[in-house]
Amino acid sequence: MKTLSFLSENKDSAWNIFITQVERVLPHLGELEYWANTLMRPKRALIVDIPLEMDDGSIRHFEGYRVQHNLSRGPGKGGGEP
């Protein structure tokens, strides 16, 4: 079974591409560089595996992500009425 790309050490994984992009802009952030660690260390991450039966009868697995970096602006659950 294939592991989730978030956990993969493959340089082409979604997480490693994100980290590379953040590191690439660090020299241009000035005093905002402090907040880059917040992006690279999310408060929580939910990763789900969704198995789908394809038209040819085979089963393929797809990943879904929900990442919350900072909950200081209120609850991170979303939805609901104001």
PDB file of N, CA and C in Angstrom:
ATOM      1  N   MET A   1       0.829  -1.183   0.000  1.00  0.00           N
ATOM      2  CA  MET A   1       0.000   0.000   0.000  1.00  0.00           C
ATOM      3  C   MET A   1       0.873   1.247   0.000  1.00  0.00           C
ATOM      4  N   LYS A   2       0.541   2.185  -0.807  1.00  0.00           N
ATOM      5  CA  LYS A   2       1.288   3.433  -0.921  1.00  0.00           C
ATOM      6  C   LYS A   2       1.068   4.304   0.319  1.00  0.00           C
ATOM      7  N   THR A   3       2.149   4.948   0.814  1.00  0.00           N
ATOM      8  CA  THR A   3       1.995   5.824   1.967  1.00  0.00           C
ATOM      9  C   THR A   3       1.485   7.184   1.513  1.00  0.00           C
ATOM     10  N   LEU A   4       0.935   7.931   2.443  1.00  0.00           N
ATOM     11  CA  LEU A   4       0.438   9.270   2.143  1.00  0.00           C
ATOM     12  C   LEU A   4       1.602  10.175   1.763  1.00  0.00           C
ATOM     13  N   SER A   5       1.405  11.063   0.795  1.00  0.00           N
ATOM     14  CA  SER A   5       2.501  11.915   0.332  1.00  0.00           C
ATOM     15  C   SER A   5       2.994  12.845   1.430  1.00  0.00           C
ATOM     16  N   PHE A   6       2.140  13.196   2.385  1.00  0.00           N
ATOM     17  CA  PHE A   6       2.552  14.056   3.484  1.00  0.00           C
ATOM     18  C   PHE A   6       3.684  13.412   4.276  1.00  0.00           C
ATOM     19  N   LEU A   7       3.665  12.101   4.385  1.00  0.00           N
ATOM     20  CA  LEU A   7       4.667  11.381   5.155  1.00  0.00           C
ATOM     21  C   LEU A   7       5.856  10.928   4.322  1.00  0.00           C
ATOM     22  N   SER A   8       5.771  11.103   3.030  1.00  0.00           N
ATOM     23  CA  SER A   8       6.804  10.638   2.125  1.00  0.00           C
ATOM     24  C   SER A   8       8.037  11.533   2.176  1.00  0.00           C
ATOM     25  N   GLU A   9       9.196  10.937   2.034  1.00  0.00           N
ATOM     26  CA  GLU A   9      10.430  11.717   1.942  1.00  0.00           C
ATOM     27  C   GLU A   9      10.751  12.056   0.491  1.00  0.00           C
ATOM     28  N   ASN A  10       9.875  11.685  -0.412  1.00  0.00           N
ATOM     29  CA  ASN A  10      10.040  11.989  -1.826  1.00  0.00           C
ATOM     30  C   ASN A  10      10.045  13.506  -2.019  1.00  0.00           C
ATOM     31  N   LYS A  11      11.026  14.026  -2.748  1.00  0.00           N
ATOM     32  CA  LYS A  11      11.123  15.472  -2.932  1.00  0.00           C
ATOM     33  C   LYS A  11       9.939  16.043  -3.714  1.00  0.00           C
ATOM     34  N   ASP A  12       9.176  15.203  -4.406  1.00  0.00           N
ATOM     35  CA  ASP A  12       8.029  15.667  -5.172  1.00  0.00           C
ATOM     36  C   ASP A  12       6.710  15.540  -4.413  1.00  0.00           C
ATOM     37  N   SER A  13       6.776  15.227  -3.109  1.00  0.00           N
ATOM     38  CA  SER A  13       5.537  15.126  -2.338  1.00  0.00           C
ATOM     39  C   SER A  13       4.938  16.514  -2.156  1.00  0.00           C
ATOM     40  N   ALA A  14       3.652  16.579  -1.940  1.00  0.00           N
ATOM     41  CA  ALA A  14       2.955  17.864  -1.784  1.00  0.00           C
ATOM     42  C   ALA A  14       3.554  18.672  -0.633  1.00  0.00           C
ATOM     43  N   TRP A  15       3.836  18.010   0.486  1.00  0.00           N
ATOM     44  CA  TRP A  15       4.380  18.725   1.647  1.00  0.00           C
ATOM     45  C   TRP A  15       5.776  19.261   1.366  1.00  0.00           C
ATOM     46  N   ASN A  16       6.635  18.456   0.758  1.00  0.00           N
ATOM     47  CA  ASN A  16       8.000  18.912   0.468  1.00  0.00           C
ATOM     48  C   ASN A  16       8.020  20.039  -0.553  1.00  0.00           C
ATOM     49  N   ILE A  17       7.122  20.040  -1.505  1.00  0.00           N
ATOM     50  CA  ILE A  17       7.030  21.150  -2.458  1.00  0.00           C
ATOM     51  C   ILE A  17       6.625  22.424  -1.723  1.00  0.00           C
ATOM     52  N   PHE A  18       5.666  22.316  -0.807  1.00  0.00           N
ATOM     53  CA  PHE A  18       5.239  23.476  -0.013  1.00  0.00           C
ATOM     54  C   PHE A  18       6.399  24.037   0.803  1.00  0.00           C
ATOM     55  N   ILE A  19       7.132  23.156   1.501  1.00  0.00           N
ATOM     56  CA  ILE A  19       8.264  23.604   2.326  1.00  0.00           C
ATOM     57  C   ILE A  19       9.314  24.292   1.454  1.00  0.00           C
ATOM     58  N   THR A  20       9.592  23.741   0.286  1.00  0.00           N
ATOM     59  CA  THR A  20      10.560  24.342  -0.638  1.00  0.00           C
ATOM     60  C   THR A  20      10.116  25.741  -1.051  1.00  0.00           C
ATOM     61  N   GLN A  21       8.827  25.917  -1.328  1.00  0.00           N
ATOM     62  CA  GLN A  21       8.316  27.227  -1.726  1.00  0.00           C
ATOM     63  C   GLN A  21       8.422  28.245  -0.591  1.00  0.00           C
ATOM     64  N   VAL A  22       8.127  27.820   0.625  1.00  0.00           N
ATOM     65  CA  VAL A  22       8.250  28.733   1.766  1.00  0.00           C
ATOM     66  C   VAL A  22       9.711  29.129   1.950  1.00  0.00           C
ATOM     67  N   GLU A  23      10.612  28.165   1.901  1.00  0.00           N
ATOM     68  CA  GLU A  23      12.037  28.457   2.073  1.00  0.00           C
ATOM     69  C   GLU A  23      12.562  29.376   0.972  1.00  0.00           C
ATOM     70  N   ARG A  24      12.004  29.273  -0.221  1.00  0.00           N
ATOM     71  CA  ARG A  24      12.447  30.096  -1.343  1.00  0.00           C
ATOM     72  C   ARG A  24      12.127  31.583  -1.128  1.00  0.00           C
ATOM     73  N   VAL A  25      11.029  31.886  -0.442  1.00  0.00           N
ATOM     74  CA  VAL A  25      10.649  33.290  -0.245  1.00  0.00           C
ATOM     75  C   VAL A  25      11.185  33.884   1.059  1.00  0.00           C
ATOM     76  N   LEU A  26      11.761  33.056   1.928  1.00  0.00           N
ATOM     77  CA  LEU A  26      12.264  33.552   3.216  1.00  0.00           C
ATOM     78  C   LEU A  26      13.166  34.790   3.091  1.00  0.00           C
ATOM     79  N   PRO A  27      14.122  34.829   2.165  1.00  0.00           N
ATOM     80  CA  PRO A  27      14.999  36.007   2.085  1.00  0.00           C
ATOM     81  C   PRO A  27      14.254  37.294   1.731  1.00  0.00           C
ATOM     82  N   HIS A  28      13.056  37.184   1.184  1.00  0.00           N
ATOM     83  CA  HIS A  28      12.303  38.362   0.743  1.00  0.00           C
ATOM     84  C   HIS A  28      11.275  38.831   1.767  1.00  0.00           C
ATOM     85  N   LEU A  29      11.130  38.127   2.871  1.00  0.00           N
ATOM     86  CA  LEU A  29      10.082  38.440   3.837  1.00  0.00           C
ATOM     87  C   LEU A  29      10.466  39.494   4.866  1.00  0.00           C
ATOM     88  N   GLY A  30      11.761  39.732   5.046  1.00  0.00           N
ATOM     89  CA  GLY A  30      12.187  40.711   6.045  1.00  0.00           C
ATOM     90  C   GLY A  30      11.733  40.288   7.430  1.00  0.00           C
ATOM     91  N   GLU A  31      11.096  41.225   8.164  1.00  0.00           N
ATOM     92  CA  GLU A  31      10.672  40.916   9.534  1.00  0.00           C
ATOM     93  C   GLU A  31       9.523  39.914   9.583  1.00  0.00           C
ATOM     94  N   LEU A  32       8.847  39.674   8.468  1.00  0.00           N
ATOM     95  CA  LEU A  32       7.773  38.688   8.429  1.00  0.00           C
ATOM     96  C   LEU A  32       8.307  37.255   8.396  1.00  0.00           C
ATOM     97  N   GLU A  33       9.614  37.114   8.249  1.00  0.00           N
ATOM     98  CA  GLU A  33      10.227  35.779   8.219  1.00  0.00           C
ATOM     99  C   GLU A  33       9.861  34.974   9.472  1.00  0.00           C
ATOM    100  N   TYR A  34       9.641  35.684  10.563  1.00  0.00           N
ATOM    101  CA  TYR A  34       9.267  35.043  11.828  1.00  0.00           C
ATOM    102  C   TYR A  34       8.037  34.142  11.647  1.00  0.00           C
ATOM    103  N   TRP A  35       7.092  34.549  10.811  1.00  0.00           N
ATOM    104  CA  TRP A  35       5.840  33.808  10.640  1.00  0.00           C
ATOM    105  C   TRP A  35       5.981  32.591   9.747  1.00  0.00           C
ATOM    106  N   ALA A  36       7.093  32.436   9.069  1.00  0.00           N
ATOM    107  CA  ALA A  36       7.293  31.283   8.188  1.00  0.00           C
ATOM    108  C   ALA A  36       7.253  29.981   8.978  1.00  0.00           C
ATOM    109  N   ASN A  37       7.771  29.984  10.203  1.00  0.00           N
ATOM    110  CA  ASN A  37       7.727  28.769  11.028  1.00  0.00           C
ATOM    111  C   ASN A  37       6.297  28.359  11.335  1.00  0.00           C
ATOM    112  N   THR A  38       5.406  29.330  11.470  1.00  0.00           N
ATOM    113  CA  THR A  38       4.004  29.016  11.706  1.00  0.00           C
ATOM    114  C   THR A  38       3.434  28.255  10.512  1.00  0.00           C
ATOM    115  N   LEU A  39       3.825  28.643   9.312  1.00  0.00           N
ATOM    116  CA  LEU A  39       3.340  27.943   8.120  1.00  0.00           C
ATOM    117  C   LEU A  39       3.938  26.551   7.993  1.00  0.00           C
ATOM    118  N   MET A  40       5.200  26.403   8.387  1.00  0.00           N
ATOM    119  CA  MET A  40       5.862  25.113   8.237  1.00  0.00           C
ATOM    120  C   MET A  40       5.528  24.135   9.361  1.00  0.00           C
ATOM    121  N   ARG A  41       4.895  24.621  10.414  1.00  0.00           N
ATOM    122  CA  ARG A  41       4.505  23.771  11.543  1.00  0.00           C
ATOM    123  C   ARG A  41       3.028  24.018  11.859  1.00  0.00           C
ATOM    124  N   PRO A  42       2.142  23.403  11.104  1.00  0.00           N
ATOM    125  CA  PRO A  42       0.715  23.642  11.328  1.00  0.00           C
ATOM    126  C   PRO A  42       0.256  23.166  12.703  1.00  0.00           C
ATOM    127  N   LYS A  43      -0.769  23.831  13.206  1.00  0.00           N
ATOM    128  CA  LYS A  43      -1.353  23.460  14.502  1.00  0.00           C
ATOM    129  C   LYS A  43      -1.912  22.041  14.439  1.00  0.00           C
ATOM    130  N   ARG A  44      -2.634  21.737  13.358  1.00  0.00           N
ATOM    131  CA  ARG A  44      -3.149  20.381  13.170  1.00  0.00           C
ATOM    132  C   ARG A  44      -3.375  20.124  11.688  1.00  0.00           C
ATOM    133  N   ALA A  45      -3.313  18.865  11.346  1.00  0.00           N
ATOM    134  CA  ALA A  45      -3.537  18.454   9.960  1.00  0.00           C
ATOM    135  C   ALA A  45      -4.386  17.194   9.956  1.00  0.00           C
ATOM    136  N   LEU A  46      -5.393  17.202   9.128  1.00  0.00           N
ATOM    137  CA  LEU A  46      -6.231  16.024   8.937  1.00  0.00           C
ATOM    138  C   LEU A  46      -5.984  15.543   7.515  1.00  0.00           C
ATOM    139  N   ILE A  47      -5.537  14.315   7.390  1.00  0.00           N
ATOM    140  CA  ILE A  47      -5.267  13.742   6.079  1.00  0.00           C
ATOM    141  C   ILE A  47      -6.124  12.498   5.946  1.00  0.00           C
ATOM    142  N   VAL A  48      -6.902  12.448   4.892  1.00  0.00           N
ATOM    143  CA  VAL A  48      -7.786  11.305   4.689  1.00  0.00           C
ATOM    144  C   VAL A  48      -7.428  10.589   3.394  1.00  0.00           C
ATOM    145  N   ASP A  49      -7.688   9.306   3.381  1.00  0.00           N
ATOM    146  CA  ASP A  49      -7.508   8.484   2.189  1.00  0.00           C
ATOM    147  C   ASP A  49      -8.901   8.126   1.678  1.00  0.00           C
ATOM    148  N   ILE A  50      -9.161   8.447   0.414  1.00  0.00           N
ATOM    149  CA  ILE A  50     -10.482   8.204  -0.158  1.00  0.00           C
ATOM    150  C   ILE A  50     -10.355   7.159  -1.261  1.00  0.00           C
ATOM    151  N   PRO A  51     -10.805   5.928  -1.014  1.00  0.00           N
ATOM    152  CA  PRO A  51     -10.768   4.902  -2.059  1.00  0.00           C
ATOM    153  C   PRO A  51     -11.993   5.055  -2.967  1.00  0.00           C
ATOM    154  N   LEU A  52     -11.759   5.078  -4.260  1.00  0.00           N
ATOM    155  CA  LEU A  52     -12.847   5.187  -5.229  1.00  0.00           C
ATOM    156  C   LEU A  52     -12.762   4.050  -6.238  1.00  0.00           C
ATOM    157  N   GLU A  53     -13.915   3.515  -6.571  1.00  0.00           N
ATOM    158  CA  GLU A  53     -13.967   2.498  -7.615  1.00  0.00           C
ATOM    159  C   GLU A  53     -14.076   3.210  -8.962  1.00  0.00           C
ATOM    160  N   MET A  54     -13.147   2.937  -9.838  1.00  0.00           N
ATOM    161  CA  MET A  54     -13.109   3.587 -11.150  1.00  0.00           C
ATOM    162  C   MET A  54     -14.060   2.865 -12.104  1.00  0.00           C
ATOM    163  N   ASP A  55     -14.297   3.461 -13.268  1.00  0.00           N
ATOM    164  CA  ASP A  55     -15.203   2.873 -14.254  1.00  0.00           C
ATOM    165  C   ASP A  55     -14.761   1.485 -14.703  1.00  0.00           C
ATOM    166  N   ASP A  56     -13.443   1.244 -14.715  1.00  0.00           N
ATOM    167  CA  ASP A  56     -12.953  -0.065 -15.159  1.00  0.00           C
ATOM    168  C   ASP A  56     -12.979  -1.107 -14.042  1.00  0.00           C
ATOM    169  N   GLY A  57     -13.497  -0.735 -12.864  1.00  0.00           N
ATOM    170  CA  GLY A  57     -13.594  -1.669 -11.752  1.00  0.00           C
ATOM    171  C   GLY A  57     -12.413  -1.646 -10.803  1.00  0.00           C
ATOM    172  N   SER A  58     -11.344  -0.960 -11.155  1.00  0.00           N
ATOM    173  CA  SER A  58     -10.179  -0.894 -10.272  1.00  0.00           C
ATOM    174  C   SER A  58     -10.461   0.105  -9.137  1.00  0.00           C
ATOM    175  N   ILE A  59      -9.701  -0.029  -8.074  1.00  0.00           N
ATOM    176  CA  ILE A  59      -9.822   0.870  -6.932  1.00  0.00           C
ATOM    177  C   ILE A  59      -8.594   1.772  -6.906  1.00  0.00           C
ATOM    178  N   ARG A  60      -8.816   3.084  -6.860  1.00  0.00           N
ATOM    179  CA  ARG A  60      -7.719   4.045  -6.728  1.00  0.00           C
ATOM    180  C   ARG A  60      -7.914   4.821  -5.446  1.00  0.00           C
ATOM    181  N   HIS A  61      -6.801   5.213  -4.837  1.00  0.00           N
ATOM    182  CA  HIS A  61      -6.834   5.963  -3.584  1.00  0.00           C
ATOM    183  C   HIS A  61      -6.405   7.400  -3.831  1.00  0.00           C
ATOM    184  N   PHE A  62      -7.158   8.332  -3.261  1.00  0.00           N
ATOM    185  CA  PHE A  62      -6.859   9.751  -3.374  1.00  0.00           C
ATOM    186  C   PHE A  62      -6.733  10.337  -1.974  1.00  0.00           C
ATOM    187  N   GLU A  63      -5.898  11.356  -1.827  1.00  0.00           N
ATOM    188  CA  GLU A  63      -5.683  11.990  -0.534  1.00  0.00           C
ATOM    189  C   GLU A  63      -6.456  13.299  -0.452  1.00  0.00           C
ATOM    190  N   GLY A  64      -6.957  13.590   0.731  1.00  0.00           N
ATOM    191  CA  GLY A  64      -7.596  14.866   1.002  1.00  0.00           C
ATOM    192  C   GLY A  64      -6.927  15.491   2.217  1.00  0.00           C
ATOM    193  N   TYR A  65      -6.816  16.810   2.245  1.00  0.00           N
ATOM    194  CA  TYR A  65      -6.110  17.512   3.309  1.00  0.00           C
ATOM    195  C   TYR A  65      -6.977  18.618   3.901  1.00  0.00           C
ATOM    196  N   ARG A  66      -6.863  18.804   5.194  1.00  0.00           N
ATOM    197  CA  ARG A  66      -7.416  19.959   5.902  1.00  0.00           C
ATOM    198  C   ARG A  66      -6.349  20.342   6.907  1.00  0.00           C
ATOM    199  N   VAL A  67      -5.715  21.491   6.700  1.00  0.00           N
ATOM    200  CA  VAL A  67      -4.624  21.928   7.562  1.00  0.00           C
ATOM    201  C   VAL A  67      -5.007  23.248   8.210  1.00  0.00           C
ATOM    202  N   GLN A  68      -4.828  23.336   9.516  1.00  0.00           N
ATOM    203  CA  GLN A  68      -5.081  24.570  10.246  1.00  0.00           C
ATOM    204  C   GLN A  68      -3.758  25.048  10.830  1.00  0.00           C
ATOM    205  N   HIS A  69      -3.373  26.265  10.451  1.00  0.00           N
ATOM    206  CA  HIS A  69      -2.085  26.795  10.887  1.00  0.00           C
ATOM    207  C   HIS A  69      -2.187  27.599  12.173  1.00  0.00           C
ATOM    208  N   ASN A  70      -3.301  28.290  12.360  1.00  0.00           N
ATOM    209  CA  ASN A  70      -3.406  29.196  13.485  1.00  0.00           C
ATOM    210  C   ASN A  70      -4.874  29.345  13.844  1.00  0.00           C
ATOM    211  N   LEU A  71      -5.209  29.188  15.100  1.00  0.00           N
ATOM    212  CA  LEU A  71      -6.596  29.292  15.541  1.00  0.00           C
ATOM    213  C   LEU A  71      -6.850  30.578  16.327  1.00  0.00           C
ATOM    214  N   SER A  72      -5.951  31.562  16.240  1.00  0.00           N
ATOM    215  CA  SER A  72      -6.061  32.776  17.041  1.00  0.00           C
ATOM    216  C   SER A  72      -7.244  33.657  16.627  1.00  0.00           C
ATOM    217  N   ARG A  73      -7.762  33.488  15.422  1.00  0.00           N
ATOM    218  CA  ARG A  73      -8.883  34.315  14.975  1.00  0.00           C
ATOM    219  C   ARG A  73     -10.228  33.658  15.262  1.00  0.00           C
ATOM    220  N   GLY A  74     -10.232  32.614  16.045  1.00  0.00           N
ATOM    221  CA  GLY A  74     -11.474  31.961  16.410  1.00  0.00           C
ATOM    222  C   GLY A  74     -11.450  30.497  16.070  1.00  0.00           C
ATOM    223  N   PRO A  75     -12.597  29.841  16.240  1.00  0.00           N
ATOM    224  CA  PRO A  75     -12.674  28.410  15.985  1.00  0.00           C
ATOM    225  C   PRO A  75     -12.309  28.081  14.536  1.00  0.00           C
ATOM    226  N   GLY A  76     -11.654  26.966  14.367  1.00  0.00           N
ATOM    227  CA  GLY A  76     -11.239  26.550  13.028  1.00  0.00           C
ATOM    228  C   GLY A  76     -12.157  25.554  12.391  1.00  0.00           C
ATOM    229  N   LYS A  77     -13.352  25.352  12.966  1.00  0.00           N
ATOM    230  CA  LYS A  77     -14.228  24.337  12.435  1.00  0.00           C
ATOM    231  C   LYS A  77     -14.973  24.776  11.185  1.00  0.00           C
ATOM    232  N   GLY A  78     -15.144  26.080  10.976  1.00  0.00           N
ATOM    233  CA  GLY A  78     -15.822  26.605   9.793  1.00  0.00           C
ATOM    234  C   GLY A  78     -17.316  26.384   9.835  1.00  0.00           C
ATOM    235  N   GLY A  79     -18.011  26.947   8.856  1.00  0.00           N
ATOM    236  CA  GLY A  79     -19.461  26.767   8.770  1.00  0.00           C
ATOM    237  C   GLY A  79     -20.189  27.460   9.897  1.00  0.00           C
ATOM    238  N   GLY A  80     -21.456  27.153  10.007  1.00  0.00           N
ATOM    239  CA  GLY A  80     -22.267  27.729  11.077  1.00  0.00           C
ATOM    240  C   GLY A  80     -22.704  29.142  10.762  1.00  0.00           C
ATOM    241  N   GLU A  81     -23.519  29.687  11.648  1.00  0.00           N
ATOM    242  CA  GLU A  81     -24.002  31.047  11.472  1.00  0.00           C
ATOM    243  C   GLU A  81     -23.152  32.006  12.282  1.00  0.00           C
ATOM    244  N   PRO A  82     -23.023  33.240  11.805  1.00  0.00           N
ATOM    245  CA  PRO A  82     -22.191  34.231  12.527  1.00  0.00           C
ATOM    246  C   PRO A  82     -22.785  34.627  13.866  1.00  0.00           C
TER     247      PRO A  82
END
